[in-house]
C-alpha atoms as a PDB file:
ATOM      1  CA  UNK A   1     -27.516   7.930  -1.268  1.00  0.00           C
ATOM      2  CA  UNK A   2     -23.896   9.051  -1.130  1.00  0.00           C
ATOM      3  CA  UNK A   3     -22.910   5.949   0.857  1.00  0.00           C
ATOM      4  CA  UNK A   4     -24.453   3.733  -1.827  1.00  0.00           C
ATOM      5  CA  UNK A   5     -22.252   5.453  -4.421  1.00  0.00           C
ATOM      6  CA  UNK A   6     -19.097   4.885  -2.362  1.00  0.00           C
ATOM      7  CA  UNK A   7     -19.518   1.154  -1.742  1.00  0.00           C
ATOM      8  CA  UNK A   8     -19.015   0.057  -5.376  1.00  0.00           C
ATOM      9  CA  UNK A   9     -16.035   2.397  -5.677  1.00  0.00           C
ATOM     10  CA  UNK A  10     -14.500   1.000  -2.482  1.00  0.00           C
ATOM     11  CA  UNK A  11     -14.966  -2.571  -3.724  1.00  0.00           C
ATOM     12  CA  UNK A  12     -13.430  -1.633  -7.055  1.00  0.00           C
ATOM     13  CA  UNK A  13     -10.425  -0.039  -5.346  1.00  0.00           C
ATOM     14  CA  UNK A  14      -9.996  -3.108  -3.137  1.00  0.00           C
ATOM     15  CA  UNK A  15      -9.999  -5.381  -6.216  1.00  0.00           C
ATOM     16  CA  UNK A  16      -7.493  -3.098  -7.957  1.00  0.00           C
ATOM     17  CA  UNK A  17      -5.124  -3.172  -4.946  1.00  0.00           C
ATOM     18  CA  UNK A  18      -5.420  -6.971  -4.912  1.00  0.00           C
ATOM     19  CA  UNK A  19      -4.655  -7.103  -8.640  1.00  0.00           C
ATOM     20  CA  UNK A  20      -1.610  -4.892  -8.137  1.00  0.00           C
ATOM     21  CA  UNK A  21      -0.431  -7.170  -5.329  1.00  0.00           C
ATOM     22  CA  UNK A  22      -0.784 -10.156  -7.640  1.00  0.00           C
ATOM     23  CA  UNK A  23       1.179  -8.268 -10.299  1.00  0.00           C
ATOM     24  CA  UNK A  24       3.996  -7.745  -7.790  1.00  0.00           C
ATOM     25  CA  UNK A  25       4.243 -11.495  -7.391  1.00  0.00           C
ATOM     26  CA  UNK A  26       4.054 -12.254 -11.108  1.00  0.00           C
ATOM     27  CA  UNK A  27       7.407 -13.243 -12.660  1.00  0.00           C
ATOM     28  CA  UNK A  28       6.565 -11.290 -15.834  1.00  0.00           C
ATOM     29  CA  UNK A  29       6.608  -7.999 -13.879  1.00  0.00           C
ATOM     30  CA  UNK A  30       9.964  -6.155 -14.016  1.00  0.00           C
ATOM     31  CA  UNK A  31      11.900  -5.951 -10.733  1.00  0.00           C
ATOM     32  CA  UNK A  32      11.713  -2.149 -10.545  1.00  0.00           C
ATOM     33  CA  UNK A  33       7.933  -2.272 -10.929  1.00  0.00           C
ATOM     34  CA  UNK A  34       7.760  -4.903  -8.189  1.00  0.00           C
ATOM     35  CA  UNK A  35       9.823  -2.711  -5.854  1.00  0.00           C
ATOM     36  CA  UNK A  36       7.557   0.289  -6.420  1.00  0.00           C
ATOM     37  CA  UNK A  37       4.469  -1.897  -6.179  1.00  0.00           C
ATOM     38  CA  UNK A  38       5.374  -3.338  -2.793  1.00  0.00           C
ATOM     39  CA  UNK A  39       6.065   0.166  -1.453  1.00  0.00           C
ATOM     40  CA  UNK A  40       2.764   1.556  -2.777  1.00  0.00           C
ATOM     41  CA  UNK A  41       0.680  -1.413  -1.650  1.00  0.00           C
ATOM     42  CA  UNK A  42       2.367  -1.523   1.752  1.00  0.00           C
ATOM     43  CA  UNK A  43       1.668   2.170   2.211  1.00  0.00           C
ATOM     44  CA  UNK A  44      -1.939   1.783   1.035  1.00  0.00           C
ATOM     45  CA  UNK A  45      -2.567  -1.008   3.533  1.00  0.00           C
ATOM     46  CA  UNK A  46      -0.582   0.521   6.361  1.00  0.00           C
ATOM     47  CA  UNK A  47      -2.513   2.103   9.224  1.00  0.00           C
ATOM     48  CA  UNK A  48       0.223   4.738   9.569  1.00  0.00           C
ATOM     49  CA  UNK A  49       0.303   7.660   7.122  1.00  0.00           C
ATOM     50  CA  UNK A  50       3.323   9.639   5.957  1.00  0.00           C
ATOM     51  CA  UNK A  51       1.390  12.785   6.833  1.00  0.00           C
ATOM     52  CA  UNK A  52      -1.009  12.247   9.783  1.00  0.00           C
ATOM     53  CA  UNK A  53      -4.655  12.890   8.880  1.00  0.00           C
ATOM     54  CA  UNK A  54      -5.206  15.276  11.807  1.00  0.00           C
ATOM     55  CA  UNK A  55      -2.989  17.920  10.144  1.00  0.00           C
ATOM     56  CA  UNK A  56      -5.396  20.272   8.329  1.00  0.00           C
ATOM     57  CA  UNK A  57      -5.368  20.016   4.518  1.00  0.00           C
ATOM     58  CA  UNK A  58      -1.937  18.328   4.353  1.00  0.00           C
ATOM     59  CA  UNK A  59      -3.200  15.330   6.328  1.00  0.00           C
ATOM     60  CA  UNK A  60      -5.194  14.016   3.398  1.00  0.00           C
ATOM     61  CA  UNK A  61      -2.602  14.966   0.770  1.00  0.00           C
ATOM     62  CA  UNK A  62      -1.079  11.484   0.729  1.00  0.00           C
ATOM     63  CA  UNK A  63      -4.497   9.805   0.509  1.00  0.00           C
ATOM     64  CA  UNK A  64      -5.778  12.055  -2.266  1.00  0.00           C
ATOM     65  CA  UNK A  65      -2.643  12.759  -4.319  1.00  0.00           C
ATOM     66  CA  UNK A  66       0.408  10.672  -3.411  1.00  0.00           C
ATOM     67  CA  UNK A  67      -1.238   7.262  -3.190  1.00  0.00           C
ATOM     68  CA  UNK A  68      -3.187   7.557  -6.485  1.00  0.00           C
ATOM     69  CA  UNK A  69      -0.044   8.831  -8.235  1.00  0.00           C
ATOM     70  CA  UNK A  70       1.940   5.866  -6.902  1.00  0.00           C
ATOM     71  CA  UNK A  71      -0.767   3.460  -8.064  1.00  0.00           C
ATOM     72  CA  UNK A  72      -0.917   5.118 -11.489  1.00  0.00           C
ATOM     73  CA  UNK A  73       2.858   4.948 -11.938  1.00  0.00           C
ATOM     74  CA  UNK A  74       2.927   1.322 -10.818  1.00  0.00           C
ATOM     75  CA  UNK A  75       0.132   0.383 -13.238  1.00  0.00           C
ATOM     76  CA  UNK A  76       2.048   1.972 -16.110  1.00  0.00           C
ATOM     77  CA  UNK A  77       5.158  -0.069 -15.297  1.00  0.00           C
ATOM     78  CA  UNK A  78       3.279  -3.388 -15.393  1.00  0.00           C
ATOM     79  CA  UNK A  79       2.910  -5.091 -18.799  1.00  0.00           C
ATOM     80  CA  UNK A  80      -0.725  -4.864 -19.972  1.00  0.00           C
ATOM     81  CA  UNK A  81      -1.251  -8.629 -20.264  1.00  0.00           C
ATOM     82  CA  UNK A  82       0.030  -9.137 -16.701  1.00  0.00           C
ATOM     83  CA  UNK A  83      -2.320  -6.486 -15.345  1.00  0.00           C
ATOM     84  CA  UNK A  84      -5.285  -7.984 -17.238  1.00  0.00           C
ATOM     85  CA  UNK A  85      -4.533 -11.476 -15.879  1.00  0.00           C
ATOM     86  CA  UNK A  86      -4.148 -10.146 -12.330  1.00  0.00           C
ATOM     87  CA  UNK A  87      -7.377  -8.142 -12.519  1.00  0.00           C
ATOM     88  CA  UNK A  88      -9.218 -11.257 -13.674  1.00  0.00           C
ATOM     89  CA  UNK A  89      -7.757 -13.290 -10.792  1.00  0.00           C
ATOM     90  CA  UNK A  90      -8.604 -10.540  -8.274  1.00  0.00           C
ATOM     91  CA  UNK A  91     -12.199 -10.363  -9.550  1.00  0.00           C
ATOM     92  CA  UNK A  92     -12.552 -14.146  -9.168  1.00  0.00           C
ATOM     93  CA  UNK A  93     -11.142 -13.975  -5.643  1.00  0.00           C
ATOM     94  CA  UNK A  94     -13.555 -11.162  -4.745  1.00  0.00           C
ATOM     95  CA  UNK A  95     -16.466 -13.346  -5.818  1.00  0.00           C
ATOM     96  CA  UNK A  96     -15.214 -16.161  -3.586  1.00  0.00           C
ATOM     97  CA  UNK A  97     -14.747 -13.723  -0.655  1.00  0.00           C
ATOM     98  CA  UNK A  98     -11.270 -14.888   0.338  1.00  0.00           C
ATOM     99  CA  UNK A  99     -10.371 -14.247   3.988  1.00  0.00           C
ATOM    100  CA  UNK A 100      -7.978 -11.433   4.857  1.00  0.00           C
ATOM    101  CA  UNK A 101      -4.360 -12.389   5.266  1.00  0.00           C
ATOM    102  CA  UNK A 102      -3.407 -12.144   8.916  1.00  0.00           C
ATOM    103  CA  UNK A 103       0.149 -13.012   7.989  1.00  0.00           C
ATOM    104  CA  UNK A 104       0.438  -9.943   5.728  1.00  0.00           C
ATOM    105  CA  UNK A 105      -1.057  -7.744   8.448  1.00  0.00           C
ATOM    106  CA  UNK A 106       1.453  -9.118  10.970  1.00  0.00           C
ATOM    107  CA  UNK A 107       4.350  -8.407   8.608  1.00  0.00           C
ATOM    108  CA  UNK A 108       3.203  -4.802   8.114  1.00  0.00           C
ATOM    109  CA  UNK A 109       2.869  -4.287  11.876  1.00  0.00           C
ATOM    110  CA  UNK A 110       6.321  -5.817  12.480  1.00  0.00           C
ATOM    111  CA  UNK A 111       7.900  -3.566   9.855  1.00  0.00           C
ATOM    112  CA  UNK A 112       6.396  -0.456  11.484  1.00  0.00           C
ATOM    113  CA  UNK A 113       7.505  -1.612  14.946  1.00  0.00           C
ATOM    114  CA  UNK A 114      11.012  -2.232  13.601  1.00  0.00           C
ATOM    115  CA  UNK A 115      11.104   1.231  12.057  1.00  0.00           C
ATOM    116  CA  UNK A 116       9.875   2.810  15.296  1.00  0.00           C
ATOM    117  CA  UNK A 117      12.511   0.982  17.361  1.00  0.00           C
ATOM    118  CA  UNK A 118      15.266   1.907  14.896  1.00  0.00           C
ATOM    119  CA  UNK A 119      14.184   5.549  14.892  1.00  0.00           C
ATOM    120  CA  UNK A 120      14.042   5.602  18.695  1.00  0.00           C
ATOM    121  CA  UNK A 121      17.559   4.162  19.010  1.00  0.00           C
ATOM    122  CA  UNK A 122      18.881   6.589  16.411  1.00  0.00           C
ATOM    123  CA  UNK A 123      17.318   9.594  18.178  1.00  0.00           C
ATOM    124  CA  UNK A 124      18.649   8.419  21.529  1.00  0.00           C
ATOM    125  CA  UNK A 125      22.182   8.133  20.138  1.00  0.00           C
ATOM    126  CA  UNK A 126      21.937  11.604  18.612  1.00  0.00           C
ATOM    127  CA  UNK A 127      20.684  12.967  21.928  1.00  0.00           C
ATOM    128  CA  UNK A 128      23.514  11.338  23.901  1.00  0.00           C
ATOM    129  CA  UNK A 129      26.135  12.528  21.375  1.00  0.00           C
ATOM    130  CA  UNK A 130      24.688  16.031  21.467  1.00  0.00           C
ATOM    131  CA  UNK A 131      24.797  16.195  25.280  1.00  0.00           C
ATOM    132  CA  UNK A 132      28.424  14.964  25.443  1.00  0.00           C
END
């Protein structure tokens, strides 16, 4: 019974994320809202969390508090008519069952790999400078 309650909520959240993505691409959305939107959506879709889930209590903090707050702030920065149009478009796309974007997934993976490589190089340089 609990699983049946979660499925509609998950579908609704997926449509809302899609609508927010569409709002990021809409020219009527202010640039600062777009910047926040891409960060929030990228984080929501990313397989890597700011706080790993295996850390007790804190591990789910980003999923339960930070992500919804980011989505709420982003929604408030989007003009109402833009959000309504994007929600309508997302609902239509959900009915058509559009395939997942492999290109977007590849971009997210490449960004995380780039960040990991940059962090590794930075740590190595700090380590070498510290040992000298």
